[in-house]
Amino acid sequence: MSDLAGPLASRGERVELVPDGADRLTVVRASSGETLGRVEVRGGLAHEELLIWELCIEPEHRGYGAGSEAARLLAGTAKSAGWASLRARAHPEYGLSVYFWIRMGFRPLHGEGPEGGIWFVRDLAR
C-alpha cells in the first residue's frame, strides 16, 4: 500500500492535517494539538484523481470552520503533490455534506455514488 497521507500533511492557520496511517489524516487544532476529526483518502492511477472518502469533524467541533480549512488544505497539498482532481462523496445519511462540497468548489456528478450517495469532483489543474 502506498503512502497517500504523508504528502498531504499540512498546517493552516487553525488546523493541521497529520498523517495517521497510509490513507488517513487526523485533523487537529493547530494551537493545541486537540483532535477535531479525520480525513480518509484513496488514490487513483498515476496521480490523476485523489478520492476523499471521508472528511469528518466531530460533532462538538462543527460550525467553527475546521472542516472548511481541512478541505482547503487538502486541495492545496493535493495540487502541489501533482493530483489533477479531487473526488469526494456525500453519504446519503449526511445531507449537509452536499452543501459543504459545493461551498468547497466541488461540482456534483450525475448518477448514484457509493452507498446511494452523490459523487462530487473538483478540478485542480486550474
N, C-alpha and C. Protein backbone atom coordinates (compact mmCIF):
# COMPACT_ATOMS: atom_id res chain seq x y z
N MET A 1 0.85 -1.18 0.00
CA MET A 1 0.00 0.00 0.00
C MET A 1 0.89 1.23 0.00
N SER A 2 0.59 2.17 -0.84
CA SER A 2 1.39 3.39 -0.91
C SER A 2 0.94 4.38 0.15
N ASP A 3 1.84 5.28 0.48
CA ASP A 3 1.56 6.30 1.49
C ASP A 3 0.93 7.50 0.81
N LEU A 4 -0.38 7.64 0.97
CA LEU A 4 -1.08 8.80 0.42
C LEU A 4 -1.09 9.94 1.42
N ALA A 5 -1.22 9.61 2.69
CA ALA A 5 -1.41 10.64 3.71
C ALA A 5 -0.16 11.49 3.92
N GLY A 6 1.00 10.90 3.90
CA GLY A 6 2.24 11.64 4.18
C GLY A 6 2.41 12.90 3.36
N PRO A 7 2.31 12.82 2.03
CA PRO A 7 2.46 14.02 1.20
C PRO A 7 1.33 15.04 1.37
N LEU A 8 0.24 14.64 2.01
CA LEU A 8 -0.90 15.55 2.19
C LEU A 8 -0.89 16.26 3.55
N ALA A 9 0.10 15.95 4.36
CA ALA A 9 0.21 16.61 5.66
C ALA A 9 0.42 18.11 5.43
N SER A 10 -0.27 18.92 6.23
CA SER A 10 -0.15 20.37 6.07
C SER A 10 -0.65 21.07 7.32
N ARG A 11 -0.29 22.33 7.41
CA ARG A 11 -0.70 23.14 8.56
C ARG A 11 -1.28 24.45 8.07
N GLY A 12 -2.46 24.77 8.57
CA GLY A 12 -3.11 26.03 8.24
C GLY A 12 -3.10 26.96 9.43
N GLU A 13 -3.90 27.98 9.34
CA GLU A 13 -3.98 28.97 10.41
C GLU A 13 -4.58 28.37 11.68
N ARG A 14 -5.61 27.54 11.52
CA ARG A 14 -6.30 26.99 12.68
C ARG A 14 -6.22 25.48 12.83
N VAL A 15 -6.06 24.76 11.72
CA VAL A 15 -6.00 23.30 11.80
C VAL A 15 -4.78 22.77 11.08
N GLU A 16 -4.46 21.54 11.43
CA GLU A 16 -3.34 20.84 10.84
C GLU A 16 -3.81 19.45 10.41
N LEU A 17 -3.33 18.97 9.28
CA LEU A 17 -3.61 17.61 8.82
C LEU A 17 -2.38 16.76 9.11
N VAL A 18 -2.53 15.80 10.02
CA VAL A 18 -1.42 14.98 10.50
C VAL A 18 -1.62 13.54 10.03
N PRO A 19 -0.63 12.96 9.32
CA PRO A 19 -0.78 11.57 8.86
C PRO A 19 -1.03 10.62 10.03
N ASP A 20 -1.94 9.68 9.81
CA ASP A 20 -2.31 8.68 10.81
C ASP A 20 -2.51 7.36 10.06
N GLY A 21 -1.46 6.88 9.46
CA GLY A 21 -1.53 5.70 8.61
C GLY A 21 -1.34 6.10 7.16
N ALA A 22 -1.38 5.12 6.26
CA ALA A 22 -1.11 5.36 4.85
C ALA A 22 -2.19 6.14 4.13
N ASP A 23 -3.43 6.04 4.62
CA ASP A 23 -4.54 6.67 3.90
C ASP A 23 -5.44 7.50 4.81
N ARG A 24 -4.92 7.91 5.94
CA ARG A 24 -5.74 8.65 6.90
C ARG A 24 -4.96 9.82 7.49
N LEU A 25 -5.66 10.93 7.64
CA LEU A 25 -5.09 12.11 8.28
C LEU A 25 -5.99 12.48 9.46
N THR A 26 -5.37 12.93 10.54
CA THR A 26 -6.14 13.42 11.67
C THR A 26 -6.17 14.94 11.56
N VAL A 27 -7.34 15.52 11.73
CA VAL A 27 -7.50 16.97 11.74
C VAL A 27 -7.33 17.41 13.19
N VAL A 28 -6.30 18.22 13.45
CA VAL A 28 -6.02 18.68 14.80
C VAL A 28 -6.02 20.20 14.86
N ARG A 29 -6.36 20.73 16.03
CA ARG A 29 -6.30 22.17 16.26
C ARG A 29 -4.83 22.57 16.29
N ALA A 30 -4.43 23.51 15.45
CA ALA A 30 -3.03 23.90 15.34
C ALA A 30 -2.49 24.46 16.64
N SER A 31 -3.29 25.17 17.38
CA SER A 31 -2.81 25.81 18.60
C SER A 31 -2.62 24.86 19.78
N SER A 32 -3.38 23.76 19.80
CA SER A 32 -3.33 22.88 20.98
C SER A 32 -3.04 21.42 20.68
N GLY A 33 -3.18 21.01 19.43
CA GLY A 33 -3.00 19.60 19.08
C GLY A 33 -4.22 18.74 19.37
N GLU A 34 -5.32 19.36 19.78
CA GLU A 34 -6.55 18.63 20.08
C GLU A 34 -7.12 18.02 18.79
N THR A 35 -7.51 16.76 18.85
CA THR A 35 -8.10 16.09 17.69
C THR A 35 -9.51 16.63 17.45
N LEU A 36 -9.75 17.06 16.20
CA LEU A 36 -11.05 17.60 15.81
C LEU A 36 -11.82 16.66 14.88
N GLY A 37 -11.09 15.83 14.13
CA GLY A 37 -11.75 14.95 13.18
C GLY A 37 -10.74 14.14 12.39
N ARG A 38 -11.19 13.67 11.22
CA ARG A 38 -10.34 12.80 10.41
C ARG A 38 -10.67 12.96 8.93
N VAL A 39 -9.70 12.56 8.11
CA VAL A 39 -9.86 12.53 6.66
C VAL A 39 -9.33 11.19 6.19
N GLU A 40 -10.11 10.50 5.36
CA GLU A 40 -9.66 9.26 4.76
C GLU A 40 -9.57 9.47 3.26
N VAL A 41 -8.42 9.14 2.68
CA VAL A 41 -8.20 9.34 1.25
C VAL A 41 -7.86 8.02 0.58
N ARG A 42 -8.13 7.97 -0.71
CA ARG A 42 -7.78 6.82 -1.55
C ARG A 42 -7.27 7.37 -2.86
N GLY A 43 -6.31 6.69 -3.44
CA GLY A 43 -5.68 7.20 -4.66
C GLY A 43 -6.21 6.58 -5.93
N GLY A 44 -6.05 7.34 -6.99
CA GLY A 44 -6.36 6.85 -8.33
C GLY A 44 -5.06 6.53 -9.06
N LEU A 45 -5.16 6.23 -10.31
CA LEU A 45 -3.98 5.87 -11.08
C LEU A 45 -3.17 7.10 -11.47
N ALA A 46 -1.88 6.98 -11.36
CA ALA A 46 -0.93 7.99 -11.86
C ALA A 46 -1.27 9.41 -11.42
N HIS A 47 -1.64 9.56 -10.18
CA HIS A 47 -1.89 10.90 -9.62
C HIS A 47 -2.97 11.66 -10.38
N GLU A 48 -3.89 10.96 -10.98
CA GLU A 48 -4.95 11.68 -11.70
C GLU A 48 -6.04 12.16 -10.78
N GLU A 49 -6.54 11.29 -9.91
CA GLU A 49 -7.66 11.69 -9.07
C GLU A 49 -7.45 11.15 -7.65
N LEU A 50 -7.53 12.06 -6.69
CA LEU A 50 -7.46 11.68 -5.29
C LEU A 50 -8.88 11.63 -4.76
N LEU A 51 -9.23 10.55 -4.11
CA LEU A 51 -10.56 10.35 -3.58
C LEU A 51 -10.59 10.69 -2.09
N ILE A 52 -11.46 11.61 -1.73
CA ILE A 52 -11.71 11.91 -0.31
C ILE A 52 -12.89 11.05 0.09
N TRP A 53 -12.60 9.93 0.71
CA TRP A 53 -13.65 9.00 1.08
C TRP A 53 -14.43 9.52 2.27
N GLU A 54 -13.73 10.21 3.17
CA GLU A 54 -14.40 10.75 4.35
C GLU A 54 -13.64 11.97 4.86
N LEU A 55 -14.38 13.01 5.14
CA LEU A 55 -13.87 14.16 5.88
C LEU A 55 -14.90 14.41 6.97
N CYS A 56 -14.53 14.10 8.20
CA CYS A 56 -15.49 14.16 9.30
C CYS A 56 -14.90 14.95 10.46
N ILE A 57 -15.61 15.98 10.86
CA ILE A 57 -15.27 16.74 12.06
C ILE A 57 -16.23 16.26 13.15
N GLU A 58 -15.71 15.99 14.31
CA GLU A 58 -16.55 15.51 15.41
C GLU A 58 -17.64 16.53 15.73
N PRO A 59 -18.84 16.07 16.07
CA PRO A 59 -19.99 16.97 16.25
C PRO A 59 -19.73 18.17 17.16
N GLU A 60 -19.00 17.99 18.23
CA GLU A 60 -18.77 19.10 19.16
C GLU A 60 -17.83 20.17 18.60
N HIS A 61 -17.16 19.87 17.48
CA HIS A 61 -16.23 20.83 16.88
C HIS A 61 -16.75 21.40 15.56
N ARG A 62 -17.95 21.04 15.16
CA ARG A 62 -18.53 21.52 13.90
C ARG A 62 -19.03 22.96 14.05
N GLY A 63 -19.03 23.66 12.91
CA GLY A 63 -19.58 25.02 12.89
C GLY A 63 -18.55 26.10 13.16
N TYR A 64 -17.28 25.72 13.28
CA TYR A 64 -16.23 26.69 13.58
C TYR A 64 -15.19 26.80 12.47
N GLY A 65 -15.45 26.15 11.33
CA GLY A 65 -14.57 26.27 10.18
C GLY A 65 -13.47 25.24 10.06
N ALA A 66 -13.41 24.27 10.97
CA ALA A 66 -12.35 23.26 10.90
C ALA A 66 -12.46 22.40 9.64
N GLY A 67 -13.67 22.00 9.28
CA GLY A 67 -13.85 21.18 8.07
C GLY A 67 -13.52 21.95 6.81
N SER A 68 -13.92 23.21 6.75
CA SER A 68 -13.63 24.04 5.58
C SER A 68 -12.13 24.24 5.42
N GLU A 69 -11.44 24.53 6.52
CA GLU A 69 -9.99 24.72 6.42
C GLU A 69 -9.29 23.41 6.07
N ALA A 70 -9.76 22.30 6.63
CA ALA A 70 -9.18 21.00 6.30
C ALA A 70 -9.35 20.69 4.81
N ALA A 71 -10.52 20.97 4.25
CA ALA A 71 -10.76 20.73 2.82
C ALA A 71 -9.87 21.62 1.96
N ARG A 72 -9.72 22.89 2.34
CA ARG A 72 -8.84 23.79 1.58
C ARG A 72 -7.38 23.35 1.65
N LEU A 73 -6.93 22.95 2.84
CA LEU A 73 -5.56 22.45 2.98
C LEU A 73 -5.35 21.21 2.13
N LEU A 74 -6.30 20.30 2.17
CA LEU A 74 -6.21 19.07 1.39
C LEU A 74 -6.14 19.36 -0.10
N ALA A 75 -6.97 20.27 -0.58
CA ALA A 75 -6.95 20.63 -2.01
C ALA A 75 -5.61 21.26 -2.38
N GLY A 76 -5.10 22.13 -1.55
CA GLY A 76 -3.83 22.78 -1.84
C GLY A 76 -2.66 21.82 -1.86
N THR A 77 -2.58 20.93 -0.88
CA THR A 77 -1.47 19.98 -0.86
C THR A 77 -1.61 18.92 -1.95
N ALA A 78 -2.85 18.52 -2.26
CA ALA A 78 -3.05 17.56 -3.36
C ALA A 78 -2.59 18.16 -4.68
N LYS A 79 -2.92 19.42 -4.89
CA LYS A 79 -2.48 20.08 -6.12
C LYS A 79 -0.96 20.18 -6.16
N SER A 80 -0.35 20.56 -5.06
CA SER A 80 1.12 20.66 -5.01
C SER A 80 1.79 19.30 -5.21
N ALA A 81 1.11 18.22 -4.77
CA ALA A 81 1.66 16.87 -4.92
C ALA A 81 1.42 16.31 -6.32
N GLY A 82 0.70 17.05 -7.18
CA GLY A 82 0.54 16.63 -8.57
C GLY A 82 -0.79 15.98 -8.92
N TRP A 83 -1.73 15.93 -8.00
CA TRP A 83 -3.03 15.36 -8.33
C TRP A 83 -3.77 16.31 -9.27
N ALA A 84 -4.47 15.75 -10.25
CA ALA A 84 -5.20 16.55 -11.24
C ALA A 84 -6.59 16.93 -10.75
N SER A 85 -7.20 16.07 -9.92
CA SER A 85 -8.56 16.36 -9.43
C SER A 85 -8.80 15.67 -8.11
N LEU A 86 -9.83 16.15 -7.44
CA LEU A 86 -10.31 15.54 -6.20
C LEU A 86 -11.72 15.03 -6.43
N ARG A 87 -12.04 13.92 -5.82
CA ARG A 87 -13.41 13.40 -5.84
C ARG A 87 -13.80 13.14 -4.40
N ALA A 88 -14.97 13.59 -4.02
CA ALA A 88 -15.46 13.41 -2.66
C ALA A 88 -16.86 12.83 -2.70
N ARG A 89 -17.20 12.08 -1.68
CA ARG A 89 -18.54 11.50 -1.64
C ARG A 89 -19.39 12.20 -0.58
N ALA A 90 -20.64 12.33 -0.90
CA ALA A 90 -21.63 12.80 0.06
C ALA A 90 -22.49 11.60 0.39
N HIS A 91 -22.35 11.09 1.60
CA HIS A 91 -23.10 9.92 2.04
C HIS A 91 -24.57 10.30 2.18
N PRO A 92 -25.50 9.43 1.81
CA PRO A 92 -26.92 9.79 1.85
C PRO A 92 -27.44 10.10 3.26
N GLU A 93 -26.77 9.64 4.30
CA GLU A 93 -27.22 9.92 5.66
C GLU A 93 -26.82 11.31 6.13
N TYR A 94 -25.93 11.97 5.40
CA TYR A 94 -25.41 13.27 5.81
C TYR A 94 -25.69 14.30 4.73
N GLY A 95 -26.93 14.75 4.64
CA GLY A 95 -27.36 15.66 3.58
C GLY A 95 -26.61 16.97 3.55
N LEU A 96 -26.18 17.47 4.71
CA LEU A 96 -25.47 18.74 4.72
C LEU A 96 -24.13 18.66 4.01
N SER A 97 -23.59 17.45 3.84
CA SER A 97 -22.30 17.34 3.14
C SER A 97 -22.42 17.77 1.69
N VAL A 98 -23.61 17.69 1.10
CA VAL A 98 -23.83 18.17 -0.26
C VAL A 98 -23.49 19.66 -0.34
N TYR A 99 -24.02 20.43 0.58
CA TYR A 99 -23.77 21.87 0.59
C TYR A 99 -22.32 22.18 0.93
N PHE A 100 -21.73 21.37 1.79
CA PHE A 100 -20.32 21.56 2.15
C PHE A 100 -19.43 21.43 0.92
N TRP A 101 -19.59 20.35 0.16
CA TRP A 101 -18.72 20.13 -1.00
C TRP A 101 -18.94 21.19 -2.07
N ILE A 102 -20.16 21.65 -2.24
CA ILE A 102 -20.41 22.74 -3.20
C ILE A 102 -19.70 24.01 -2.74
N ARG A 103 -19.79 24.33 -1.46
CA ARG A 103 -19.08 25.51 -0.93
C ARG A 103 -17.57 25.40 -1.11
N MET A 104 -17.05 24.19 -1.12
CA MET A 104 -15.62 23.97 -1.26
C MET A 104 -15.16 23.93 -2.73
N GLY A 105 -16.08 24.25 -3.64
CA GLY A 105 -15.71 24.33 -5.05
C GLY A 105 -15.86 23.05 -5.85
N PHE A 106 -16.57 22.08 -5.31
CA PHE A 106 -16.80 20.81 -6.00
C PHE A 106 -18.13 20.90 -6.75
N ARG A 107 -18.24 20.11 -7.80
CA ARG A 107 -19.49 20.04 -8.54
C ARG A 107 -20.00 18.60 -8.50
N PRO A 108 -21.32 18.42 -8.44
CA PRO A 108 -21.87 17.07 -8.37
C PRO A 108 -21.75 16.35 -9.71
N LEU A 109 -21.58 15.05 -9.65
CA LEU A 109 -21.58 14.21 -10.84
C LEU A 109 -22.94 13.53 -10.95
N HIS A 110 -23.40 13.34 -12.16
CA HIS A 110 -24.68 12.69 -12.38
C HIS A 110 -24.58 11.21 -12.02
N GLY A 111 -25.69 10.68 -11.57
CA GLY A 111 -25.75 9.26 -11.25
C GLY A 111 -25.51 9.01 -9.77
N GLU A 112 -25.80 7.80 -9.38
CA GLU A 112 -25.67 7.43 -7.98
C GLU A 112 -24.21 7.19 -7.61
N GLY A 113 -23.83 7.67 -6.46
CA GLY A 113 -22.49 7.46 -5.92
C GLY A 113 -22.49 6.25 -5.01
N PRO A 114 -21.40 6.08 -4.26
CA PRO A 114 -21.30 4.92 -3.38
C PRO A 114 -22.35 4.96 -2.27
N GLU A 115 -22.88 3.80 -1.96
CA GLU A 115 -23.86 3.63 -0.88
C GLU A 115 -25.10 4.51 -1.07
N GLY A 116 -25.44 4.82 -2.32
CA GLY A 116 -26.61 5.62 -2.60
C GLY A 116 -26.40 7.12 -2.47
N GLY A 117 -25.18 7.54 -2.28
CA GLY A 117 -24.87 8.96 -2.13
C GLY A 117 -24.58 9.64 -3.45
N ILE A 118 -23.84 10.73 -3.38
CA ILE A 118 -23.51 11.54 -4.56
C ILE A 118 -22.01 11.75 -4.60
N TRP A 119 -21.44 11.65 -5.79
CA TRP A 119 -20.03 12.00 -6.01
C TRP A 119 -19.92 13.48 -6.33
N PHE A 120 -18.86 14.09 -5.85
CA PHE A 120 -18.51 15.48 -6.20
C PHE A 120 -17.09 15.48 -6.70
N VAL A 121 -16.78 16.37 -7.63
CA VAL A 121 -15.44 16.45 -8.19
C VAL A 121 -14.97 17.90 -8.26
N ARG A 122 -13.67 18.07 -8.12
CA ARG A 122 -13.05 19.39 -8.23
C ARG A 122 -11.78 19.27 -9.04
N ASP A 123 -11.68 20.05 -10.09
CA ASP A 123 -10.51 20.05 -10.96
C ASP A 123 -9.42 20.87 -10.27
N LEU A 124 -8.24 20.30 -10.12
CA LEU A 124 -7.11 21.00 -9.51
C LEU A 124 -6.13 21.55 -10.52
N ALA A 125 -6.34 21.23 -11.78
CA ALA A 125 -5.40 21.64 -12.82
C ALA A 125 -5.45 23.15 -13.10
N ARG A 126 -6.52 23.80 -12.72
CA ARG A 126 -6.65 25.24 -12.99
C ARG A 126 -5.93 26.08 -11.99
